[in-house]
Protein backbone atom coordinates (compact mmCIF):
# COMPACT_ATOMS: atom_id res chain seq x y z
CA MET A 1 0.10 -0.10 -0.05
CA ARG A 2 2.89 2.43 0.79
CA ILE A 3 4.40 1.73 -2.67
CA LEU A 4 1.13 2.64 -4.42
CA ALA A 5 0.86 5.91 -2.51
CA ILE A 6 4.34 6.90 -3.53
CA VAL A 7 3.53 5.88 -7.11
CA LEU A 8 0.27 7.79 -7.06
CA ALA A 9 2.20 10.93 -5.55
CA LEU A 10 4.78 10.62 -8.35
CA VAL A 11 2.11 10.26 -11.14
CA ILE A 12 0.44 13.64 -9.72
CA ALA A 13 3.72 15.44 -9.62
CA LEU A 14 4.51 14.42 -13.02
CA LEU A 15 1.11 15.65 -14.26
CA GLN A 16 1.50 18.79 -12.22
CA TRP A 17 4.99 19.42 -13.76
CA PRO A 18 3.91 21.28 -17.16
CA LEU A 19 1.49 23.34 -15.05
CA TRP A 20 4.31 24.75 -13.15
CA VAL A 21 7.40 24.74 -15.31
CA GLY A 22 6.27 23.85 -18.72
CA LYS A 23 5.58 26.00 -21.89
CA GLY A 24 2.14 27.03 -20.48
CA SER A 25 3.14 27.42 -16.84
CA TRP A 26 1.69 29.91 -14.47
CA LEU A 27 5.02 31.85 -14.62
CA ARG A 28 5.02 32.24 -18.38
CA VAL A 29 1.40 33.54 -18.31
CA TRP A 30 2.21 36.05 -15.53
CA GLN A 31 5.05 37.30 -17.70
CA LEU A 32 2.75 37.46 -20.79
CA ASP A 33 0.39 39.43 -18.83
CA GLN A 34 2.94 41.93 -17.84
CA GLU A 35 4.28 42.14 -21.34
CA LEU A 36 0.67 42.90 -22.56
CA ALA A 37 0.09 45.66 -19.87
CA ASP A 38 3.60 47.26 -21.19
CA LYS A 39 2.52 47.04 -24.76
CA LYS A 40 -1.04 48.54 -24.05
CA ALA A 41 0.46 51.49 -21.99
CA GLY A 42 2.89 52.03 -24.99
CA ASN A 43 -0.04 51.96 -27.55
CA ASP A 44 -1.86 54.46 -25.37
CA LYS A 45 1.08 56.93 -25.33
CA LEU A 46 1.51 56.49 -29.36
CA ARG A 47 -2.27 57.00 -29.75
CA GLU A 48 -1.98 60.24 -27.83
CA ARG A 49 1.07 61.25 -30.08
CA ASN A 50 -0.77 60.41 -33.18
CA GLY A 51 -3.77 62.24 -32.10
CA ALA A 52 -1.54 65.46 -31.58
CA LEU A 53 0.16 65.05 -34.89
CA SER A 54 -3.16 64.61 -36.68
CA ALA A 55 -4.66 67.76 -35.18
CA GLU A 56 -1.46 69.62 -36.05
CA VAL A 57 -1.72 68.33 -39.69
CA GLN A 58 -5.28 69.25 -39.83
CA ASP A 59 -4.47 72.89 -38.49
CA LEU A 60 -1.68 73.11 -41.17
CA LYS A 61 -3.98 72.19 -43.88
CA THR A 62 -6.91 74.51 -42.87
CA GLY A 63 -5.63 77.40 -40.90
CA THR A 64 -2.75 79.92 -41.59
CA ASP A 65 -2.02 80.52 -37.66
CA ALA A 66 0.03 77.26 -37.49
CA ILE A 67 1.96 78.07 -40.71
CA GLU A 68 2.81 81.75 -39.34
CA GLU A 69 3.82 80.24 -36.07
CA ARG A 70 6.27 77.84 -37.76
CA ALA A 71 7.57 80.33 -39.95
CA ARG A 72 8.40 82.59 -36.96
CA ASN A 73 9.87 79.97 -34.81
CA GLU A 74 11.73 77.76 -37.11
CA LEU A 75 12.61 80.29 -39.94
CA GLY A 76 12.80 83.51 -37.98
CA MET A 77 10.50 85.28 -40.41
CA ILE A 78 8.60 88.49 -39.50
CA ARG A 79 5.82 90.38 -40.97
CA LYS A 80 6.29 93.50 -43.14
CA ASP A 81 5.30 96.08 -40.64
CA GLU A 82 6.90 94.56 -37.65
CA VAL A 83 10.15 95.34 -35.92
CA PHE A 84 12.46 92.54 -34.72
CA PHE A 85 14.44 93.00 -31.46
CA GLN A 86 17.05 90.41 -30.58
CA ILE A 87 18.29 90.28 -27.05
CA LEU A 88 21.55 88.75 -26.45
CA ASP A 89 22.35 86.74 -23.37
CA ARG A 90 25.44 88.41 -21.65
CA SER A 91 26.54 85.18 -20.09
CA LYS A 92 27.17 83.70 -23.43
CA PRO A 93 30.34 84.62 -25.25
CA VAL A 94 29.64 86.19 -28.88
CA ALA A 95 31.73 84.42 -31.63
CA PRO A 96 34.12 86.83 -33.24
CA SER A 97 32.70 86.19 -36.62
CA THR A 98 29.20 87.77 -35.75
CA LEU A 99 30.83 90.99 -34.47
CA PRO A 100 31.08 93.93 -36.69
CA ALA A 101 34.75 94.67 -37.75
CA PRO A 102 36.18 97.81 -35.93
CA LEU A 103 36.90 100.83 -38.20
CA SER A 104 40.40 101.73 -38.61
CA ALA A 105 42.07 104.53 -39.96
CA SER A 106 42.81 102.87 -43.35
CA THR A 107 39.17 102.44 -44.18
CA PRO A 108 37.42 104.98 -46.25
CA ALA A 109 34.54 105.23 -43.70
CA ALA A 110 36.81 106.37 -41.01
CA ARG A 111 38.48 109.31 -42.78
């Protein structure tokens, strides 16, 4: 009788082995659930980004405000009747090539 109990316990353990360690084990199911949750979160972020890009494309197609804003920010354009002021940061050094050349006595403008 004792041998029968040991054999039955061994059979039950062998039947349980795939449930705990095999291809469709609980651990693998838990890992896949975690991956799925991560992918869903990533998809939600991408959906928000796509919505923002879609709204921007629609605004560029229909309105002139977005085009004007891009022209001002990216290209530095101004309107015809506007005055442009540029404020330089004193903490940043100015490259010598951007400074005007000093007038010397040999130039025609200094005479």
